[in-house]
Protein backbone atom coordinates (compact mmCIF):
# COMPACT_ATOMS: atom_id res chain seq x y z
CA UNK A 1 -124.39 11.42 -32.23
CA UNK A 2 -124.14 13.62 -35.29
CA UNK A 3 -123.01 12.15 -38.61
CA UNK A 4 -121.40 13.78 -41.58
CA UNK A 5 -123.22 13.66 -44.95
CA UNK A 6 -120.64 11.12 -46.14
CA UNK A 7 -121.44 8.77 -43.27
CA UNK A 8 -125.23 9.06 -43.83
CA UNK A 9 -124.76 8.34 -47.53
CA UNK A 10 -122.68 5.24 -46.77
CA UNK A 11 -125.30 3.95 -44.32
CA UNK A 12 -128.07 4.39 -46.91
CA UNK A 13 -126.08 2.49 -49.55
CA UNK A 14 -125.38 -0.39 -47.15
CA UNK A 15 -129.08 -0.64 -46.18
CA UNK A 16 -130.17 -0.67 -49.86
CA UNK A 17 -127.67 -3.37 -50.76
CA UNK A 18 -128.82 -5.44 -47.79
CA UNK A 19 -132.47 -5.29 -48.92
CA UNK A 20 -131.57 -6.20 -52.51
CA UNK A 21 -129.46 -9.08 -51.26
CA UNK A 22 -132.50 -10.64 -49.55
CA UNK A 23 -134.22 -11.03 -52.93
CA UNK A 24 -131.32 -12.12 -55.13
CA UNK A 25 -130.55 -15.84 -54.78
CA UNK A 26 -126.96 -16.63 -53.92
CA UNK A 27 -126.14 -13.02 -53.21
CA UNK A 28 -124.30 -12.46 -49.91
CA UNK A 29 -122.86 -9.40 -48.34
CA UNK A 30 -119.10 -9.54 -47.87
CA UNK A 31 -118.93 -10.12 -44.12
CA UNK A 32 -115.19 -9.43 -44.12
CA UNK A 33 -115.54 -6.08 -45.89
CA UNK A 34 -113.36 -3.52 -44.11
CA UNK A 35 -114.94 -0.46 -42.58
CA UNK A 36 -114.02 2.31 -45.00
CA UNK A 37 -115.12 5.13 -42.70
CA UNK A 38 -112.10 7.28 -41.85
CA UNK A 39 -110.80 7.62 -38.32
CA UNK A 40 -111.67 11.32 -38.49
CA UNK A 41 -115.33 10.48 -39.15
CA UNK A 42 -115.43 7.81 -36.45
CA UNK A 43 -114.09 10.23 -33.84
CA UNK A 44 -115.93 13.28 -35.14
CA UNK A 45 -118.19 15.45 -33.06
CA UNK A 46 -119.37 17.79 -35.78
CA UNK A 47 -120.17 21.07 -34.04
CA UNK A 48 -121.47 23.07 -36.96
CA UNK A 49 -122.79 22.40 -40.44
CA UNK A 50 -122.13 25.97 -41.50
CA UNK A 51 -118.48 27.00 -41.86
CA UNK A 52 -117.26 28.89 -38.78
CA UNK A 53 -113.80 30.41 -38.30
CA UNK A 54 -112.52 31.43 -34.88
CA UNK A 55 -109.49 33.68 -34.45
CA UNK A 56 -107.10 32.35 -31.82
CA UNK A 57 -104.22 34.39 -30.32
CA UNK A 58 -101.49 32.14 -28.88
CA UNK A 59 -97.71 32.09 -28.49
CA UNK A 60 -95.80 29.80 -30.84
CA UNK A 61 -92.51 28.62 -29.27
CA UNK A 62 -92.09 26.17 -32.17
CA UNK A 63 -92.07 28.84 -34.87
CA UNK A 64 -88.69 27.60 -36.10
CA UNK A 65 -90.45 24.36 -37.11
CA UNK A 66 -94.00 25.43 -37.96
CA UNK A 67 -94.76 29.06 -38.77
CA UNK A 68 -98.38 28.67 -37.73
CA UNK A 69 -100.31 26.15 -35.62
CA UNK A 70 -102.52 25.55 -38.67
CA UNK A 71 -99.59 23.47 -39.97
CA UNK A 72 -99.78 21.13 -36.97
CA UNK A 73 -101.24 17.68 -37.66
CA UNK A 74 -103.19 17.93 -34.38
CA UNK A 75 -105.12 21.04 -35.38
CA UNK A 76 -105.62 19.87 -38.96
CA UNK A 77 -107.26 16.71 -37.63
CA UNK A 78 -109.27 18.69 -35.08
CA UNK A 79 -110.77 20.79 -37.86
CA UNK A 80 -111.80 17.64 -39.77
CA UNK A 81 -113.52 16.22 -36.72
CA UNK A 82 -115.31 19.31 -35.43
CA UNK A 83 -115.96 21.40 -38.54
CA UNK A 84 -114.51 24.46 -36.78
CA UNK A 85 -111.73 26.28 -38.61
CA UNK A 86 -109.17 28.13 -36.50
CA UNK A 87 -107.23 31.14 -37.72
CA UNK A 88 -104.18 31.28 -35.43
CA UNK A 89 -102.52 34.59 -34.61
CA UNK A 90 -99.02 34.35 -33.13
CA UNK A 91 -97.42 37.31 -31.35
CA UNK A 92 -93.87 38.26 -32.32
CA UNK A 93 -91.44 38.81 -29.46
CA UNK A 94 -92.34 38.57 -25.77
CA UNK A 95 -95.85 37.12 -25.70
CA UNK A 96 -96.88 38.82 -22.44
CA UNK A 97 -95.75 42.26 -23.57
CA UNK A 98 -97.70 41.75 -26.79
CA UNK A 99 -100.73 40.64 -24.77
CA UNK A 100 -100.66 43.85 -22.73
CA UNK A 101 -100.61 45.82 -25.97
CA UNK A 102 -103.50 43.74 -27.30
CA UNK A 103 -105.55 44.54 -24.21
CA UNK A 104 -104.82 48.23 -24.64
CA UNK A 105 -105.88 48.15 -28.30
CA UNK A 106 -109.32 46.65 -27.50
CA UNK A 107 -109.08 44.87 -30.87
CA UNK A 108 -109.65 41.34 -29.60
CA UNK A 109 -109.58 38.01 -31.40
CA UNK A 110 -112.18 35.38 -30.48
CA UNK A 111 -109.81 33.44 -28.21
CA UNK A 112 -106.74 34.41 -26.18
CA UNK A 113 -104.40 31.79 -24.75
CA UNK A 114 -101.84 32.57 -22.05
CA UNK A 115 -99.03 30.40 -20.70
CA UNK A 116 -99.34 30.83 -16.94
CA UNK A 117 -102.18 30.14 -14.55
CA UNK A 118 -104.50 33.17 -14.49
CA UNK A 119 -101.83 35.31 -16.14
CA UNK A 120 -104.19 37.71 -17.90
CA UNK A 121 -103.09 41.34 -17.33
CA UNK A 122 -104.81 42.56 -14.18
CA UNK A 123 -106.15 39.10 -13.43
CA UNK A 124 -109.10 37.16 -14.82
CA UNK A 125 -111.72 38.81 -12.62
CA UNK A 126 -110.61 42.23 -13.80
CA UNK A 127 -110.58 41.05 -17.43
CA UNK A 128 -114.21 39.95 -17.03
CA UNK A 129 -115.20 43.25 -15.38
CA UNK A 130 -113.44 45.17 -18.15
CA UNK A 131 -115.40 43.25 -20.83
CA UNK A 132 -112.28 41.67 -22.29
CA UNK A 133 -113.23 38.01 -21.70
CA UNK A 134 -116.52 36.34 -20.84
CA UNK A 135 -117.45 34.44 -17.70
CA UNK A 136 -117.77 30.79 -18.71
CA UNK A 137 -119.61 29.19 -15.76
CA UNK A 138 -123.06 28.94 -17.33
CA UNK A 139 -121.77 28.02 -20.81
CA UNK A 140 -119.62 25.25 -19.35
CA UNK A 141 -122.54 23.92 -17.28
CA UNK A 142 -124.63 23.60 -20.44
CA UNK A 143 -122.16 22.85 -23.22
CA UNK A 144 -118.91 21.53 -21.72
CA UNK A 145 -119.62 18.46 -19.55
CA UNK A 146 -116.20 16.95 -20.24
CA UNK A 147 -114.32 20.03 -19.08
CA UNK A 148 -116.54 20.30 -16.02
CA UNK A 149 -115.75 16.68 -15.17
CA UNK A 150 -112.00 17.30 -15.69
CA UNK A 151 -112.13 20.29 -13.33
CA UNK A 152 -113.68 18.14 -10.61
CA UNK A 153 -111.05 15.39 -10.73
CA UNK A 154 -109.32 16.92 -7.71
CA UNK A 155 -109.79 19.80 -5.31
CA UNK A 156 -106.58 21.30 -6.67
CA UNK A 157 -107.94 21.20 -10.23
CA UNK A 158 -111.14 22.89 -9.14
CA UNK A 159 -109.41 25.65 -7.19
CA UNK A 160 -106.91 26.35 -9.95
CA UNK A 161 -109.59 26.79 -12.63
CA UNK A 162 -111.72 29.34 -10.83
CA UNK A 163 -111.04 32.86 -9.57
CA UNK A 164 -111.38 34.22 -6.06
CA UNK A 165 -114.76 35.63 -7.13
CA UNK A 166 -115.99 32.29 -8.43
CA UNK A 167 -115.53 32.91 -12.15
CA UNK A 168 -114.46 30.19 -14.56
CA UNK A 169 -112.42 32.25 -16.98
CA UNK A 170 -110.67 29.82 -19.31
CA UNK A 171 -110.14 26.29 -20.58
CA UNK A 172 -106.87 25.06 -19.04
CA UNK A 173 -104.39 22.30 -19.65
CA UNK A 174 -105.28 19.90 -16.84
CA UNK A 175 -103.48 16.80 -15.65
CA UNK A 176 -105.79 13.80 -15.37
CA UNK A 177 -103.95 12.84 -12.17
CA UNK A 178 -100.97 13.97 -10.10
CA UNK A 179 -97.87 13.97 -12.28
CA UNK A 180 -94.52 12.80 -10.91
CA UNK A 181 -91.57 15.15 -10.88
CA UNK A 182 -89.71 15.00 -14.18
CA UNK A 183 -86.52 16.76 -13.13
CA UNK A 184 -84.08 16.34 -10.28
CA UNK A 185 -80.46 15.53 -9.39
CA UNK A 186 -78.67 13.15 -11.76
CA UNK A 187 -75.16 11.74 -11.46
CA UNK A 188 -72.93 10.07 -14.01
CA UNK A 189 -73.05 6.34 -13.33
CA UNK A 190 -69.53 5.66 -14.59
CA UNK A 191 -68.04 8.02 -12.01
CA UNK A 192 -70.03 6.50 -9.15
CA UNK A 193 -69.03 3.01 -10.29
CA UNK A 194 -65.33 3.95 -10.27
CA UNK A 195 -65.72 5.23 -6.72
CA UNK A 196 -67.94 2.30 -5.69
CA UNK A 197 -70.40 4.85 -4.26
CA UNK A 198 -74.17 4.92 -3.97
CA UNK A 199 -76.13 8.05 -4.91
CA UNK A 200 -75.91 10.56 -2.04
CA UNK A 201 -78.95 11.44 0.05
CA UNK A 202 -77.64 14.10 2.43
CA UNK A 203 -75.70 17.31 1.87
CA UNK A 204 -72.69 15.79 3.65
CA UNK A 205 -72.77 12.77 1.30
CA UNK A 206 -72.95 15.13 -1.67
CA UNK A 207 -69.89 16.96 -0.42
CA UNK A 208 -67.91 13.72 -0.09
CA UNK A 209 -68.91 12.62 -3.59
CA UNK A 210 -68.15 15.99 -5.21
CA UNK A 211 -64.72 16.10 -3.55
CA UNK A 212 -64.02 12.65 -4.97
CA UNK A 213 -65.10 13.81 -8.45
CA UNK A 214 -62.73 16.77 -8.17
CA UNK A 215 -59.83 14.51 -7.23
CA UNK A 216 -60.61 12.36 -10.30
CA UNK A 217 -60.13 15.38 -12.53
CA UNK A 218 -63.78 16.18 -13.29
CA UNK A 219 -63.81 19.83 -14.41
CA UNK A 220 -67.21 20.69 -12.89
CA UNK A 221 -68.28 18.18 -10.22
CA UNK A 222 -71.73 19.86 -9.88
CA UNK A 223 -73.38 22.13 -12.44
CA UNK A 224 -76.15 24.42 -11.23
CA UNK A 225 -78.17 26.11 -13.95
CA UNK A 226 -78.93 29.73 -13.20
CA UNK A 227 -79.27 31.81 -16.38
CA UNK A 228 -82.40 30.55 -18.13
CA UNK A 229 -83.80 28.31 -15.42
CA UNK A 230 -82.90 28.86 -11.79
CA UNK A 231 -83.39 25.36 -10.42
CA UNK A 232 -82.50 26.42 -6.87
CA UNK A 233 -85.42 28.87 -6.93
CA UNK A 234 -87.90 26.88 -9.02
CA UNK A 235 -87.29 23.39 -7.57
CA UNK A 236 -85.73 24.13 -4.19
CA UNK A 237 -82.99 21.62 -5.00
CA UNK A 238 -80.11 21.70 -2.45
CA UNK A 239 -81.48 24.86 -0.81
CA UNK A 240 -84.56 22.89 0.22
CA UNK A 241 -82.38 20.83 2.57
CA UNK A 242 -82.33 23.93 4.80
CA UNK A 243 -86.13 24.29 4.86
CA UNK A 244 -86.29 27.30 2.52
CA UNK A 245 -86.18 28.24 -1.14
CA UNK A 246 -85.18 31.38 -3.05
CA UNK A 247 -88.64 32.91 -3.19
CA UNK A 248 -91.94 32.80 -1.28
CA UNK A 249 -92.77 29.46 0.32
CA UNK A 250 -95.30 27.78 2.56
CA UNK A 251 -94.35 27.11 6.18
CA UNK A 252 -97.34 25.31 7.74
CA UNK A 253 -99.81 27.75 6.22
CA UNK A 254 -97.69 30.88 6.63
CA UNK A 255 -96.14 32.54 3.60
CA UNK A 256 -92.46 33.30 4.14
CA UNK A 257 -89.71 34.80 2.00
CA UNK A 258 -86.77 32.40 1.77
CA UNK A 259 -83.92 34.88 1.24
CA UNK A 260 -84.34 36.41 4.71
CA UNK A 261 -84.73 33.14 6.66
CA UNK A 262 -81.95 31.58 8.81
CA UNK A 263 -81.90 28.46 6.60
CA UNK A 264 -80.98 30.64 3.62
CA UNK A 265 -77.80 31.74 5.38
CA UNK A 266 -76.84 28.12 6.08
CA UNK A 267 -77.36 27.24 2.43
CA UNK A 268 -75.17 30.15 1.34
CA UNK A 269 -72.44 28.97 3.69
CA UNK A 270 -72.49 25.53 2.09
CA UNK A 271 -72.48 26.78 -1.49
CA UNK A 272 -69.76 29.33 -0.71
CA UNK A 273 -67.61 26.48 0.64
CA UNK A 274 -68.34 24.30 -2.41
CA UNK A 275 -67.63 27.21 -4.75
CA UNK A 276 -64.30 28.05 -3.13
CA UNK A 277 -63.23 24.39 -3.26
CA UNK A 278 -63.98 24.16 -6.98
CA UNK A 279 -66.95 21.80 -6.62
CA UNK A 280 -69.28 24.21 -8.43
CA UNK A 281 -68.90 25.70 -11.89
CA UNK A 282 -66.74 28.84 -11.55
CA UNK A 283 -68.91 30.41 -14.28
CA UNK A 284 -72.22 29.17 -12.88
CA UNK A 285 -73.80 32.64 -12.89
CA UNK A 286 -72.90 33.49 -16.48
CA UNK A 287 -72.88 30.15 -18.31
CA UNK A 288 -75.95 29.58 -20.51
CA UNK A 289 -77.79 26.32 -21.14
CA UNK A 290 -76.15 25.73 -24.54
CA UNK A 291 -72.70 25.87 -22.98
CA UNK A 292 -73.80 23.52 -20.17
CA UNK A 293 -75.20 21.12 -22.76
CA UNK A 294 -71.87 21.04 -24.59
CA UNK A 295 -70.00 20.42 -21.35
CA UNK A 296 -72.25 17.46 -20.53
CA UNK A 297 -71.65 16.04 -24.01
CA UNK A 298 -67.90 16.39 -23.50
CA UNK A 299 -68.00 14.65 -20.12
CA UNK A 300 -66.87 17.69 -18.14
CA UNK A 301 -69.76 17.60 -15.63
CA UNK A 302 -70.21 15.01 -12.90
CA UNK A 303 -73.69 15.83 -11.61
CA UNK A 304 -76.46 18.17 -12.66
CA UNK A 305 -80.17 18.86 -12.34
CA UNK A 306 -81.45 18.31 -15.86
CA UNK A 307 -84.09 16.34 -17.74
CA UNK A 308 -81.50 14.41 -19.73
CA UNK A 309 -77.75 13.90 -19.40
CA UNK A 310 -77.16 13.26 -23.08
CA UNK A 311 -74.62 10.54 -23.92
CA UNK A 312 -73.84 9.42 -20.38
CA UNK A 313 -75.79 6.86 -18.40
CA UNK A 314 -76.90 8.41 -15.14
CA UNK A 315 -78.42 7.43 -11.84
CA UNK A 316 -81.04 9.53 -10.13
CA UNK A 317 -80.55 10.97 -6.68
CA UNK A 318 -83.21 12.08 -4.21
CA UNK A 319 -83.55 15.75 -3.46
CA UNK A 320 -80.95 16.08 -0.69
CA UNK A 321 -81.71 16.72 2.97
CA UNK A 322 -79.53 17.49 5.99
CA UNK A 323 -80.29 14.22 7.77
CA UNK A 324 -80.82 10.78 6.30
CA UNK A 325 -84.48 9.90 6.21
CA UNK A 326 -85.73 13.49 6.31
CA UNK A 327 -88.52 14.34 3.86
CA UNK A 328 -87.73 17.22 1.45
CA UNK A 329 -90.20 20.12 1.54
CA UNK A 330 -89.42 21.18 -2.03
CA UNK A 331 -89.14 19.50 -5.42
CA UNK A 332 -90.11 20.01 -9.00
CA UNK A 333 -93.92 19.96 -8.92
CA UNK A 334 -96.52 19.95 -11.66
CA UNK A 335 -99.77 21.55 -10.56
CA UNK A 336 -102.96 19.92 -11.83
CA UNK A 337 -103.56 23.09 -13.86
CA UNK A 338 -100.50 23.31 -16.10
CA UNK A 339 -101.38 26.75 -17.47
CA UNK A 340 -101.93 27.19 -21.23
CA UNK A 341 -105.31 28.74 -20.56
CA UNK A 342 -107.64 29.83 -23.35
CA UNK A 343 -110.23 32.50 -22.64
CA UNK A 344 -113.09 33.46 -24.95
CA UNK A 345 -113.27 37.20 -25.53
CA UNK A 346 -116.29 39.47 -25.74
CA UNK A 347 -115.54 39.87 -29.46
CA UNK A 348 -116.44 36.21 -30.16
CA UNK A 349 -119.68 35.84 -32.16
CA UNK A 350 -119.85 32.08 -31.61
CA UNK A 351 -119.20 31.49 -27.89
CA UNK A 352 -121.34 28.33 -27.75
CA UNK A 353 -119.50 26.72 -30.65
CA UNK A 354 -116.15 27.79 -29.15
CA UNK A 355 -117.07 26.17 -25.83
CA UNK A 356 -118.13 22.96 -27.57
CA UNK A 357 -114.87 22.95 -29.57
CA UNK A 358 -112.79 23.22 -26.43
CA UNK A 359 -114.88 20.62 -24.63
CA UNK A 360 -113.83 18.04 -27.24
CA UNK A 361 -110.23 18.57 -26.01
CA UNK A 362 -111.24 16.88 -22.74
CA UNK A 363 -112.75 13.74 -24.29
CA UNK A 364 -110.64 10.59 -24.66
CA UNK A 365 -110.44 10.99 -28.45
CA UNK A 366 -109.76 14.72 -28.39
CA UNK A 367 -107.13 14.55 -25.66
CA UNK A 368 -105.28 11.80 -27.53
CA UNK A 369 -104.71 14.22 -30.42
CA UNK A 370 -102.70 16.47 -28.11
CA UNK A 371 -100.98 13.70 -26.15
CA UNK A 372 -100.07 11.51 -29.12
CA UNK A 373 -100.82 13.12 -32.47
CA UNK A 374 -102.72 11.49 -35.33
CA UNK A 375 -102.92 7.72 -35.37
CA UNK A 376 -101.45 6.33 -38.58
CA UNK A 377 -99.29 9.42 -39.11
CA UNK A 378 -96.75 9.69 -36.30
CA UNK A 379 -97.81 6.61 -34.31
CA UNK A 380 -99.63 3.29 -34.54
CA UNK A 381 -101.37 1.41 -31.73
CA UNK A 382 -99.49 -1.89 -31.31
CA UNK A 383 -100.57 -4.26 -28.54
CA UNK A 384 -102.37 -1.38 -26.87
CA UNK A 385 -99.32 0.93 -26.92
CA UNK A 386 -98.72 4.00 -29.12
CA UNK A 387 -95.53 3.24 -31.06
CA UNK A 388 -93.78 5.79 -33.29
CA UNK A 389 -94.05 5.28 -37.03
CA UNK A 390 -90.97 5.11 -39.23
CA UNK A 391 -91.79 8.64 -40.40
CA UNK A 392 -91.73 9.98 -36.84
CA UNK A 393 -88.54 8.11 -35.97
CA UNK A 394 -86.81 9.69 -38.96
CA UNK A 395 -88.09 13.14 -37.99
CA UNK A 396 -86.69 12.71 -34.49
CA UNK A 397 -83.32 11.66 -35.90
CA UNK A 398 -83.32 14.74 -38.12
CA UNK A 399 -84.63 17.17 -35.50
CA UNK A 400 -84.57 17.20 -31.72
CA UNK A 401 -87.35 15.44 -29.79
CA UNK A 402 -89.08 18.76 -29.03
CA UNK A 403 -88.78 20.02 -32.58
CA UNK A 404 -90.27 16.82 -34.02
CA UNK A 405 -93.12 17.13 -31.53
CA UNK A 406 -94.28 20.50 -32.88
CA UNK A 407 -95.11 19.08 -36.31
CA UNK A 408 -97.35 16.30 -35.03
CA UNK A 409 -98.78 17.28 -31.68
CA UNK A 410 -99.17 20.42 -29.60
CA UNK A 411 -99.14 19.20 -26.02
CA UNK A 412 -98.82 22.66 -24.48
CA UNK A 413 -102.45 23.54 -25.04
CA UNK A 414 -105.81 23.44 -23.22
CA UNK A 415 -106.75 19.74 -22.95
CA UNK A 416 -106.91 16.85 -20.46
CA UNK A 417 -103.34 15.55 -20.30
CA UNK A 418 -102.80 11.88 -19.61
CA UNK A 419 -99.76 11.63 -17.33
CA UNK A 420 -98.93 8.09 -18.51
CA UNK A 421 -99.64 8.25 -22.25
CA UNK A 422 -96.67 8.92 -24.54
CA UNK A 423 -95.54 7.85 -27.99
CA UNK A 424 -92.76 5.29 -27.60
CA UNK A 425 -89.93 4.75 -30.01
CA UNK A 426 -89.64 1.11 -31.16
CA UNK A 427 -86.38 0.89 -29.18
CA UNK A 428 -88.21 1.86 -25.97
CA UNK A 429 -90.87 -0.86 -26.08
CA UNK A 430 -89.03 -3.24 -23.73
CA UNK A 431 -87.17 -0.58 -21.74
CA UNK A 432 -87.21 -0.82 -17.92
CA UNK A 433 -89.89 1.12 -16.05
CA UNK A 434 -89.25 4.76 -15.27
CA UNK A 435 -88.18 5.22 -11.62
CA UNK A 436 -88.28 9.00 -11.51
CA UNK A 437 -91.47 9.01 -9.46
CA UNK A 438 -89.93 6.76 -6.82
CA UNK A 439 -86.71 8.79 -6.50
CA UNK A 440 -87.67 12.42 -7.09
CA UNK A 441 -91.12 12.24 -5.51
CA UNK A 442 -89.96 11.31 -2.02
CA UNK A 443 -90.68 14.86 -0.99
CA UNK A 444 -94.31 15.88 -0.70
CA UNK A 445 -93.56 19.43 -1.93
CA UNK A 446 -95.45 20.89 1.03
CA UNK A 447 -93.24 23.97 0.91
CA UNK A 448 -94.38 24.86 -2.60
CA UNK A 449 -97.06 27.55 -2.81
CA UNK A 450 -99.93 27.11 -5.28
CA UNK A 451 -100.29 29.75 -8.00
CA UNK A 452 -102.83 31.94 -6.19
CA UNK A 453 -103.86 35.27 -7.69
CA UNK A 454 -103.70 38.87 -6.56
CA UNK A 455 -106.03 41.74 -7.30
CA UNK A 456 -104.74 44.44 -9.62
CA UNK A 457 -104.08 46.73 -6.62
CA UNK A 458 -102.23 44.01 -4.72
CA UNK A 459 -100.17 43.11 -7.77
CA UNK A 460 -99.19 46.72 -8.40
CA UNK A 461 -98.21 47.27 -4.75
CA UNK A 462 -96.24 44.02 -4.41
CA UNK A 463 -94.51 44.44 -7.79
CA UNK A 464 -93.41 47.99 -6.94
CA UNK A 465 -91.69 46.79 -3.77
CA UNK A 466 -90.25 43.59 -5.25
CA UNK A 467 -88.80 45.52 -8.20
CA UNK A 468 -86.43 47.02 -5.63
CA UNK A 469 -85.91 43.94 -3.46
CA UNK A 470 -85.36 41.29 -6.12
CA UNK A 471 -82.32 42.81 -7.87
CA UNK A 472 -80.65 43.43 -4.49
CA UNK A 473 -81.35 39.90 -3.27
CA UNK A 474 -80.04 38.36 -6.52
CA UNK A 475 -76.91 40.50 -6.41
CA UNK A 476 -76.16 39.51 -2.82
CA UNK A 477 -76.91 35.84 -3.58
CA UNK A 478 -74.12 35.83 -6.17
CA UNK A 479 -71.74 37.82 -3.95
CA UNK A 480 -72.29 35.59 -0.91
CA UNK A 481 -71.64 32.39 -2.87
CA UNK A 482 -68.61 33.77 -4.75
CA UNK A 483 -67.15 35.20 -1.55
CA UNK A 484 -67.36 38.80 -2.77
CA UNK A 485 -69.46 39.58 0.33
CA UNK A 486 -68.88 38.05 3.76
CA UNK A 487 -71.70 36.15 5.39
CA UNK A 488 -70.96 38.22 8.48
CA UNK A 489 -73.00 40.85 6.63
CA UNK A 490 -76.08 38.61 6.41
CA UNK A 491 -77.98 40.30 9.28
CA UNK A 492 -77.40 43.72 7.72
CA UNK A 493 -78.61 42.33 4.38
CA UNK A 494 -81.81 41.00 6.01
CA UNK A 495 -82.40 44.34 7.71
CA UNK A 496 -82.10 46.14 4.39
CA UNK A 497 -84.63 43.80 2.73
CA UNK A 498 -87.03 44.53 5.60
CA UNK A 499 -86.51 48.26 5.22
CA UNK A 500 -87.38 47.92 1.54
CA UNK A 501 -90.83 46.61 2.53
CA UNK A 502 -90.76 42.81 2.39
CA UNK A 503 -93.18 42.57 5.34
CA UNK A 504 -95.81 44.47 3.36
CA UNK A 505 -95.34 42.10 0.43
CA UNK A 506 -95.66 39.10 2.76
CA UNK A 507 -99.01 40.44 4.02
CA UNK A 508 -100.25 40.73 0.43
CA UNK A 509 -99.15 37.18 -0.39
CA UNK A 510 -100.70 35.80 2.80
CA UNK A 511 -104.03 37.49 2.03
CA UNK A 512 -104.04 36.12 -1.52
CA UNK A 513 -103.12 32.64 -0.27
CA UNK A 514 -105.97 32.68 2.26
CA UNK A 515 -108.43 33.61 -0.49
CA UNK A 516 -107.15 30.70 -2.58
CA UNK A 517 -107.72 28.26 0.29
CA UNK A 518 -111.32 29.48 0.62
CA UNK A 519 -112.20 28.86 -3.05
């Protein structure tokens, strides 16, 4: 263990006083004297005695709250503990477009963080070959035992932190264990109570409930978000009842494209019927999330797929299936690698110190900074639980929950995330246990494909074809549901997608998926 000069000085003083006390009659050390060493010093893992500054390029979605991550309590505390100063650089505008420009400039910072798994332009292997980032395998073996241990917590973690060529390319945000789904169907409890109904499980039960909501005068019985977050595509909610989703999916080891499968047609039939009967939002394809939020606040929506339903008490519903007791193939899933991957570039003069700095993120003390914030500032440990301080409670009342979070902790970052550890408000201390895992996790998500990677050539070829297919598929999706195109045309639609080259894209995806499984 390394100590700061302040700690060594304190130890020397205590030892001297102890020796003097042995020779002075009646002199006793104060046994109840409080430890005056700061929490920062207790948890420190001083990496360098000489001042080192690392430049760190990373997107800042919380820029409306903190202009720079240096303002975050988490990173301020991290600097105290490690002795490493970070100079954050935040791109303006679309972070990925800015990253592509950064690669082209060859003017690299010490560290680059991306938001998706292996989302470096051209892929991580190519970035290593092009001398943009460094291969981390040997450095991690020698200087990052905590990250190495975190990678080995599951086979999924291991596979999702290494490339097809065996390169460890970044420090990633990793879940310490499988995380339950945190989004799924929710229904207003007051409406169900009036109807004396239980939450529906099948598509037929959903139809009966939505019809009843409509007859009660509910403006939008079921809201389906589409604009910013397409939950049908990303979660497979409702569409998953038909064994498909809106993109590529896993069918017993074979990669398939949902929009050309027979189950997709059956889903479109159902949603077209619901749309025509006024059970879906008539503006579902143009309404943004802010407008949906306002409608939930005003009580105009009966059911939705959201994280919170604002002022109305809700009950959770399982991801629906066609038959009672069936297991859904799709649901909202959190991969063990949550993205937020930081790579060290070839421009870094202190790669060893950078590796050690990141490794602290995967210790118990370091990870707590990202999960919780700084003890004594935004939370206190009470009876073994992190409880929000009065300061933090006031901040949350003034700002939204997410906005308050940015000031005190950055939990979208490379570290070992504890799935169960969260700061509780005082009002939540005796709240009933969360049942989301029990309800929304009934599906095993076997239809979801892991985020495998493609080579630059594969990516270019697949993207060129999909740039033609995707707009056509999305356009027909809207037309089929709204009744602007008859489902009698579905076979012609599938034939056109095939003519555009979807089979070639499926071969590319299958090859990439097979490589992933061999990692």
